[in-house]
N, C-alpha and C. Protein backbone atom coordinates (compact mmCIF):
# COMPACT_ATOMS: atom_id res chain seq x y z
N UNK A 1 0.85 -1.18 0.00
CA UNK A 1 0.00 0.00 0.00
C UNK A 1 0.90 1.24 0.00
N UNK A 2 0.52 2.21 -0.80
CA UNK A 2 1.33 3.42 -0.96
C UNK A 2 1.24 4.32 0.27
N UNK A 3 2.21 5.23 0.33
CA UNK A 3 2.18 6.27 1.36
C UNK A 3 1.49 7.51 0.81
N UNK A 4 1.16 8.41 1.70
CA UNK A 4 0.55 9.68 1.30
C UNK A 4 1.49 10.44 0.37
N UNK A 5 2.77 10.39 0.67
CA UNK A 5 3.75 11.08 -0.19
C UNK A 5 3.66 10.58 -1.63
N UNK A 6 3.57 9.26 -1.81
CA UNK A 6 3.48 8.68 -3.15
C UNK A 6 2.19 9.10 -3.85
N UNK A 7 1.10 9.16 -3.11
CA UNK A 7 -0.17 9.59 -3.70
C UNK A 7 -0.08 11.05 -4.15
N UNK A 8 0.52 11.90 -3.31
CA UNK A 8 0.66 13.31 -3.67
C UNK A 8 1.59 13.50 -4.87
N UNK A 9 2.60 12.65 -4.99
CA UNK A 9 3.50 12.74 -6.14
C UNK A 9 2.74 12.47 -7.44
N UNK A 10 1.79 11.54 -7.39
CA UNK A 10 0.99 11.21 -8.56
C UNK A 10 -0.11 12.25 -8.79
N UNK A 11 -0.83 12.56 -7.74
CA UNK A 11 -1.98 13.47 -7.80
C UNK A 11 -1.55 14.92 -8.01
N UNK A 12 -0.45 15.27 -7.40
CA UNK A 12 -0.03 16.66 -7.36
C UNK A 12 -0.38 17.24 -6.00
N UNK A 13 0.26 18.32 -5.66
CA UNK A 13 0.05 18.88 -4.33
C UNK A 13 -0.55 20.28 -4.37
N UNK A 14 -1.26 20.58 -5.44
CA UNK A 14 -1.93 21.87 -5.52
C UNK A 14 -2.96 21.97 -4.41
N UNK A 15 -2.92 23.07 -3.69
CA UNK A 15 -3.85 23.30 -2.59
C UNK A 15 -4.61 24.59 -2.88
N UNK A 16 -5.92 24.49 -2.94
CA UNK A 16 -6.75 25.67 -3.11
C UNK A 16 -7.20 26.13 -1.74
N UNK A 17 -7.10 27.43 -1.51
CA UNK A 17 -7.43 27.94 -0.18
C UNK A 17 -8.15 29.28 -0.26
N UNK A 18 -8.77 29.62 0.86
CA UNK A 18 -9.43 30.91 1.03
C UNK A 18 -9.10 31.41 2.43
N UNK A 19 -9.35 32.69 2.64
CA UNK A 19 -9.19 33.29 3.96
C UNK A 19 -10.50 33.17 4.72
N UNK A 20 -10.45 33.19 6.04
CA UNK A 20 -11.68 33.06 6.83
C UNK A 20 -12.69 34.17 6.55
N UNK A 21 -12.22 35.34 6.16
CA UNK A 21 -13.13 36.45 5.91
C UNK A 21 -13.76 36.42 4.51
N UNK A 22 -13.37 35.45 3.69
CA UNK A 22 -13.96 35.30 2.36
C UNK A 22 -15.43 34.94 2.48
N UNK A 23 -16.22 35.44 1.53
CA UNK A 23 -17.64 35.08 1.51
C UNK A 23 -17.79 33.64 1.03
N UNK A 24 -18.76 32.95 1.59
CA UNK A 24 -19.06 31.57 1.19
C UNK A 24 -19.32 31.52 -0.31
N UNK A 25 -20.00 32.49 -0.85
CA UNK A 25 -20.30 32.52 -2.28
C UNK A 25 -19.02 32.46 -3.12
N UNK A 26 -18.03 33.27 -2.74
CA UNK A 26 -16.76 33.28 -3.48
C UNK A 26 -16.03 31.95 -3.34
N UNK A 27 -16.10 31.34 -2.17
CA UNK A 27 -15.48 30.03 -1.97
C UNK A 27 -16.15 28.98 -2.84
N UNK A 28 -17.48 29.04 -2.94
CA UNK A 28 -18.20 28.08 -3.78
C UNK A 28 -17.83 28.26 -5.25
N UNK A 29 -17.66 29.50 -5.68
CA UNK A 29 -17.24 29.74 -7.08
C UNK A 29 -15.87 29.12 -7.35
N UNK A 30 -14.95 29.26 -6.40
CA UNK A 30 -13.62 28.69 -6.56
C UNK A 30 -13.69 27.16 -6.61
N UNK A 31 -14.51 26.59 -5.75
CA UNK A 31 -14.66 25.14 -5.74
C UNK A 31 -15.27 24.65 -7.06
N UNK A 32 -16.26 25.35 -7.57
CA UNK A 32 -16.88 24.97 -8.84
C UNK A 32 -15.89 25.09 -9.99
N UNK A 33 -15.11 26.15 -9.98
CA UNK A 33 -14.13 26.39 -11.05
C UNK A 33 -13.10 25.27 -11.13
N UNK A 34 -12.72 24.72 -9.99
CA UNK A 34 -11.68 23.70 -9.96
C UNK A 34 -12.22 22.28 -9.74
N UNK A 35 -13.55 22.17 -9.72
CA UNK A 35 -14.20 20.86 -9.56
C UNK A 35 -13.70 20.14 -8.30
N UNK A 36 -13.72 20.84 -7.18
CA UNK A 36 -13.28 20.26 -5.92
C UNK A 36 -14.38 20.42 -4.87
N UNK A 37 -14.29 19.62 -3.81
CA UNK A 37 -15.33 19.62 -2.80
C UNK A 37 -14.96 20.32 -1.51
N UNK A 38 -13.72 20.83 -1.42
CA UNK A 38 -13.30 21.49 -0.19
C UNK A 38 -12.14 22.44 -0.45
N UNK A 39 -12.03 23.42 0.42
CA UNK A 39 -10.93 24.37 0.40
C UNK A 39 -10.30 24.43 1.78
N UNK A 40 -8.99 24.59 1.81
CA UNK A 40 -8.32 24.82 3.08
C UNK A 40 -8.49 26.30 3.42
N UNK A 41 -8.77 26.59 4.67
CA UNK A 41 -8.92 27.97 5.11
C UNK A 41 -7.61 28.39 5.77
N UNK A 42 -6.98 29.41 5.18
CA UNK A 42 -5.67 29.86 5.63
C UNK A 42 -5.73 31.30 6.13
N UNK A 43 -5.06 31.53 7.24
CA UNK A 43 -4.88 32.88 7.75
C UNK A 43 -3.38 33.12 7.76
N UNK A 44 -2.92 33.95 6.84
CA UNK A 44 -1.51 34.11 6.53
C UNK A 44 -0.95 32.74 6.12
N UNK A 45 -0.01 32.19 6.87
CA UNK A 45 0.56 30.89 6.52
C UNK A 45 0.04 29.76 7.40
N UNK A 46 -1.02 30.04 8.16
CA UNK A 46 -1.54 29.05 9.09
C UNK A 46 -2.87 28.49 8.63
N UNK A 47 -2.98 27.16 8.66
CA UNK A 47 -4.25 26.51 8.35
C UNK A 47 -5.14 26.65 9.58
N UNK A 48 -6.33 27.24 9.37
CA UNK A 48 -7.24 27.46 10.51
C UNK A 48 -8.55 26.68 10.36
N UNK A 49 -8.75 26.03 9.21
CA UNK A 49 -9.97 25.25 9.02
C UNK A 49 -10.07 24.68 7.63
N UNK A 50 -11.18 24.00 7.41
CA UNK A 50 -11.53 23.48 6.08
C UNK A 50 -12.97 23.88 5.82
N UNK A 51 -13.24 24.30 4.60
CA UNK A 51 -14.59 24.62 4.17
C UNK A 51 -14.97 23.61 3.08
N UNK A 52 -16.08 22.92 3.27
CA UNK A 52 -16.49 21.90 2.31
C UNK A 52 -17.94 22.08 1.89
N UNK A 53 -18.30 21.34 0.86
CA UNK A 53 -19.70 21.33 0.42
C UNK A 53 -20.61 20.92 1.57
N UNK A 54 -20.14 20.03 2.37
CA UNK A 54 -20.91 19.56 3.53
C UNK A 54 -21.15 20.71 4.52
N UNK A 55 -20.13 21.53 4.76
CA UNK A 55 -20.30 22.69 5.64
C UNK A 55 -21.35 23.63 5.08
N UNK A 56 -21.28 23.85 3.78
CA UNK A 56 -22.25 24.73 3.13
C UNK A 56 -23.67 24.19 3.31
N UNK A 57 -23.86 22.92 3.05
CA UNK A 57 -25.20 22.33 3.15
C UNK A 57 -25.73 22.41 4.58
N UNK A 58 -24.90 22.11 5.53
CA UNK A 58 -25.35 22.04 6.93
C UNK A 58 -25.44 23.39 7.62
N UNK A 59 -24.56 24.31 7.25
CA UNK A 59 -24.49 25.56 7.99
C UNK A 59 -25.08 26.77 7.27
N UNK A 60 -25.30 26.67 5.98
CA UNK A 60 -25.88 27.79 5.24
C UNK A 60 -27.28 27.42 4.76
N UNK A 61 -27.37 26.44 3.91
CA UNK A 61 -28.64 26.08 3.29
C UNK A 61 -29.68 25.71 4.34
N UNK A 62 -29.36 24.76 5.19
CA UNK A 62 -30.34 24.26 6.16
C UNK A 62 -30.72 25.32 7.19
N UNK A 63 -29.79 26.21 7.53
CA UNK A 63 -30.06 27.22 8.56
C UNK A 63 -30.60 28.53 7.99
N UNK A 64 -30.87 28.55 6.69
CA UNK A 64 -31.49 29.72 6.08
C UNK A 64 -30.58 30.93 5.93
N UNK A 65 -29.26 30.71 5.99
CA UNK A 65 -28.31 31.81 5.78
C UNK A 65 -28.11 31.98 4.28
N UNK A 66 -27.40 33.02 3.89
CA UNK A 66 -27.10 33.21 2.48
C UNK A 66 -25.60 33.18 2.25
N UNK A 67 -25.22 32.67 1.11
CA UNK A 67 -23.79 32.54 0.80
C UNK A 67 -23.13 33.88 0.51
N UNK A 68 -23.93 34.89 0.19
CA UNK A 68 -23.36 36.20 -0.12
C UNK A 68 -23.20 37.09 1.12
N UNK A 69 -23.67 36.62 2.27
CA UNK A 69 -23.52 37.41 3.50
C UNK A 69 -22.82 36.64 4.61
N UNK A 70 -22.54 35.37 4.39
CA UNK A 70 -21.89 34.53 5.40
C UNK A 70 -20.42 34.35 5.03
N UNK A 71 -19.54 34.47 6.01
CA UNK A 71 -18.12 34.25 5.74
C UNK A 71 -17.76 32.78 5.96
N UNK A 72 -16.70 32.37 5.30
CA UNK A 72 -16.20 31.01 5.44
C UNK A 72 -15.83 30.75 6.90
N UNK A 73 -15.24 31.74 7.56
CA UNK A 73 -14.84 31.59 8.96
C UNK A 73 -16.00 31.32 9.89
N UNK A 74 -17.19 31.76 9.51
CA UNK A 74 -18.37 31.54 10.35
C UNK A 74 -18.84 30.09 10.33
N UNK A 75 -18.51 29.35 9.29
CA UNK A 75 -19.08 28.00 9.16
C UNK A 75 -18.05 26.91 8.90
N UNK A 76 -16.78 27.24 8.78
CA UNK A 76 -15.76 26.23 8.46
C UNK A 76 -15.63 25.21 9.59
N UNK A 77 -15.10 24.06 9.24
CA UNK A 77 -14.77 23.04 10.22
C UNK A 77 -13.41 23.37 10.82
N UNK A 78 -13.33 23.38 12.13
CA UNK A 78 -12.06 23.74 12.78
C UNK A 78 -11.43 22.57 13.53
N UNK A 79 -12.18 21.51 13.73
CA UNK A 79 -11.63 20.30 14.38
C UNK A 79 -10.93 19.49 13.30
N UNK A 80 -9.68 19.82 13.02
CA UNK A 80 -8.98 19.22 11.89
C UNK A 80 -8.19 17.98 12.28
N UNK A 81 -8.35 16.97 11.47
CA UNK A 81 -7.57 15.75 11.60
C UNK A 81 -6.59 15.77 10.43
N UNK A 82 -5.33 15.60 10.72
CA UNK A 82 -4.30 15.69 9.68
C UNK A 82 -3.51 14.39 9.61
N UNK A 83 -2.78 14.23 8.51
CA UNK A 83 -1.88 13.10 8.33
C UNK A 83 -0.53 13.61 7.87
N UNK A 84 0.45 12.72 7.89
CA UNK A 84 1.78 13.08 7.42
C UNK A 84 2.05 12.36 6.10
N UNK A 85 3.04 12.80 5.36
CA UNK A 85 3.37 12.14 4.09
C UNK A 85 3.79 10.68 4.27
N UNK A 86 4.20 10.30 5.46
CA UNK A 86 4.65 8.93 5.70
C UNK A 86 3.51 7.98 6.04
N UNK A 87 2.32 8.51 6.31
CA UNK A 87 1.17 7.65 6.60
C UNK A 87 0.77 6.87 5.36
N UNK A 88 0.12 5.73 5.57
CA UNK A 88 -0.30 4.90 4.44
C UNK A 88 -1.72 5.26 4.01
N UNK A 89 -2.04 4.85 2.79
CA UNK A 89 -3.39 5.02 2.27
C UNK A 89 -4.38 4.30 3.18
N UNK A 90 -4.02 3.11 3.62
CA UNK A 90 -4.89 2.33 4.50
C UNK A 90 -5.19 3.09 5.79
N UNK A 91 -4.17 3.69 6.39
CA UNK A 91 -4.36 4.48 7.61
C UNK A 91 -5.32 5.65 7.36
N UNK A 92 -5.13 6.32 6.23
CA UNK A 92 -5.99 7.46 5.88
C UNK A 92 -7.44 7.02 5.67
N UNK A 93 -7.63 5.90 4.99
CA UNK A 93 -8.98 5.37 4.77
C UNK A 93 -9.65 5.05 6.09
N UNK A 94 -8.92 4.44 7.01
CA UNK A 94 -9.47 4.12 8.32
C UNK A 94 -9.84 5.39 9.09
N UNK A 95 -8.99 6.41 9.01
CA UNK A 95 -9.29 7.69 9.67
C UNK A 95 -10.56 8.31 9.10
N UNK A 96 -10.63 8.38 7.78
CA UNK A 96 -11.79 9.00 7.14
C UNK A 96 -13.07 8.25 7.46
N UNK A 97 -12.99 6.95 7.42
CA UNK A 97 -14.16 6.14 7.71
C UNK A 97 -14.58 6.28 9.17
N UNK A 98 -13.62 6.18 10.06
CA UNK A 98 -13.91 6.25 11.49
C UNK A 98 -14.40 7.61 11.94
N UNK A 99 -13.84 8.67 11.37
CA UNK A 99 -14.19 10.04 11.77
C UNK A 99 -15.28 10.65 10.90
N UNK A 100 -15.68 9.91 9.85
CA UNK A 100 -16.72 10.35 8.94
C UNK A 100 -16.38 11.72 8.31
N UNK A 101 -15.16 11.78 7.76
CA UNK A 101 -14.70 12.98 7.08
C UNK A 101 -14.33 12.63 5.64
N UNK A 102 -14.23 13.64 4.80
CA UNK A 102 -13.95 13.41 3.38
C UNK A 102 -12.65 14.03 2.89
N UNK A 103 -11.99 14.80 3.75
CA UNK A 103 -10.76 15.48 3.36
C UNK A 103 -9.75 15.43 4.49
N UNK A 104 -8.49 15.20 4.13
CA UNK A 104 -7.40 15.15 5.10
C UNK A 104 -6.27 16.07 4.68
N UNK A 105 -6.00 17.11 5.45
CA UNK A 105 -4.82 17.93 5.18
C UNK A 105 -3.56 17.12 5.50
N UNK A 106 -2.54 17.32 4.70
CA UNK A 106 -1.26 16.63 4.89
C UNK A 106 -0.24 17.64 5.38
N UNK A 107 0.31 17.37 6.57
CA UNK A 107 1.30 18.28 7.16
C UNK A 107 2.65 17.61 7.23
N UNK A 108 3.69 18.38 6.88
CA UNK A 108 5.06 17.92 7.04
C UNK A 108 5.82 19.03 7.74
N UNK A 109 6.38 18.73 8.89
CA UNK A 109 7.06 19.74 9.72
C UNK A 109 6.13 20.93 9.98
N UNK A 110 4.90 20.63 10.32
CA UNK A 110 3.87 21.64 10.63
C UNK A 110 3.52 22.55 9.45
N UNK A 111 3.90 22.15 8.25
CA UNK A 111 3.58 22.93 7.05
C UNK A 111 2.61 22.13 6.18
N UNK A 112 1.58 22.80 5.67
CA UNK A 112 0.61 22.15 4.80
C UNK A 112 1.26 21.85 3.46
N UNK A 113 1.26 20.56 3.07
CA UNK A 113 1.91 20.16 1.82
C UNK A 113 0.95 19.50 0.84
N UNK A 114 -0.30 19.29 1.26
CA UNK A 114 -1.27 18.67 0.37
C UNK A 114 -2.61 18.47 1.06
N UNK A 115 -3.57 18.05 0.25
CA UNK A 115 -4.91 17.75 0.76
C UNK A 115 -5.41 16.52 0.02
N UNK A 116 -5.80 15.51 0.78
CA UNK A 116 -6.33 14.28 0.18
C UNK A 116 -7.84 14.24 0.35
N UNK A 117 -8.51 13.79 -0.69
CA UNK A 117 -9.95 13.58 -0.61
C UNK A 117 -10.23 12.09 -0.53
N UNK A 118 -11.42 11.74 -0.13
CA UNK A 118 -11.81 10.34 -0.10
C UNK A 118 -11.71 9.74 -1.50
N UNK A 119 -12.01 10.54 -2.52
CA UNK A 119 -11.90 10.08 -3.91
C UNK A 119 -10.48 9.72 -4.28
N UNK A 120 -9.50 10.51 -3.82
CA UNK A 120 -8.09 10.19 -4.08
C UNK A 120 -7.73 8.84 -3.50
N UNK A 121 -8.21 8.58 -2.29
CA UNK A 121 -7.86 7.34 -1.61
C UNK A 121 -8.60 6.14 -2.19
N UNK A 122 -9.84 6.33 -2.58
CA UNK A 122 -10.58 5.24 -3.21
C UNK A 122 -9.91 4.86 -4.54
N UNK A 123 -9.53 5.86 -5.31
CA UNK A 123 -8.85 5.62 -6.59
C UNK A 123 -7.57 4.81 -6.37
N UNK A 124 -6.80 5.19 -5.36
CA UNK A 124 -5.55 4.49 -5.06
C UNK A 124 -5.81 3.07 -4.57
N UNK A 125 -6.84 2.89 -3.76
CA UNK A 125 -7.18 1.56 -3.25
C UNK A 125 -7.61 0.63 -4.39
N UNK A 126 -8.40 1.13 -5.32
CA UNK A 126 -8.83 0.33 -6.47
C UNK A 126 -7.61 -0.05 -7.33
N UNK A 127 -6.71 0.89 -7.56
CA UNK A 127 -5.52 0.59 -8.35
C UNK A 127 -4.68 -0.49 -7.66
N UNK A 128 -4.57 -0.41 -6.35
CA UNK A 128 -3.80 -1.41 -5.60
C UNK A 128 -4.46 -2.78 -5.69
N UNK A 129 -5.77 -2.83 -5.57
CA UNK A 129 -6.48 -4.11 -5.67
C UNK A 129 -6.34 -4.70 -7.07
N UNK A 130 -6.40 -3.87 -8.10
CA UNK A 130 -6.21 -4.36 -9.47
C UNK A 130 -4.81 -4.92 -9.64
N UNK A 131 -3.83 -4.26 -9.05
CA UNK A 131 -2.45 -4.76 -9.10
C UNK A 131 -2.35 -6.14 -8.45
N UNK A 132 -2.95 -6.28 -7.27
CA UNK A 132 -2.92 -7.57 -6.57
C UNK A 132 -3.60 -8.67 -7.37
N UNK A 133 -4.72 -8.35 -7.98
CA UNK A 133 -5.44 -9.34 -8.80
C UNK A 133 -4.57 -9.80 -9.96
N UNK A 134 -3.90 -8.87 -10.64
CA UNK A 134 -3.02 -9.24 -11.75
C UNK A 134 -1.86 -10.10 -11.28
N UNK A 135 -1.32 -9.78 -10.11
CA UNK A 135 -0.24 -10.58 -9.55
C UNK A 135 -0.71 -12.01 -9.26
N UNK A 136 -1.90 -12.13 -8.68
CA UNK A 136 -2.45 -13.46 -8.37
C UNK A 136 -2.75 -14.25 -9.64
N UNK A 137 -3.32 -13.57 -10.64
CA UNK A 137 -3.60 -14.25 -11.91
C UNK A 137 -2.31 -14.74 -12.54
N UNK A 138 -1.27 -13.92 -12.50
CA UNK A 138 0.02 -14.29 -13.06
C UNK A 138 0.60 -15.48 -12.30
N UNK A 139 0.47 -15.49 -11.01
CA UNK A 139 0.98 -16.60 -10.19
C UNK A 139 0.23 -17.89 -10.50
N UNK A 140 -1.10 -17.80 -10.63
CA UNK A 140 -1.91 -18.98 -10.91
C UNK A 140 -1.58 -19.55 -12.28
N UNK A 141 -1.35 -18.70 -13.27
CA UNK A 141 -1.08 -19.15 -14.63
C UNK A 141 0.32 -19.72 -14.81
N UNK A 142 1.21 -19.43 -13.87
CA UNK A 142 2.59 -19.93 -14.03
C UNK A 142 2.83 -21.26 -13.40
């Protein structure tokens, strides 16, 4: 099973972020533009939260707020669970499943170096299983 570092090398480590004072509407536009489900919330060089589609649904839509008057800082998730580049895909999947989260910031020496989504990990898990199946088929045929 690959490490987070290996997944980021393949996926890339582009991180899209917004400031806490950004309007939710502007954050949603950025997410739509890049076809992503979450943004890291940064204040200067410090990660202070994550804003996701789930936050929007639960904290804006359901509560009758508007995206053009609510800031990201008002509704972002601040209880952040992070991983390191040395963690395995399996460890990350277990964390996401157990904590019921969809995004994991990756920190190295307290610096944000990437963001993994559940989709990134599922894709990697499927590729690993396909590899194992081919190895087993090759072993059986020999």
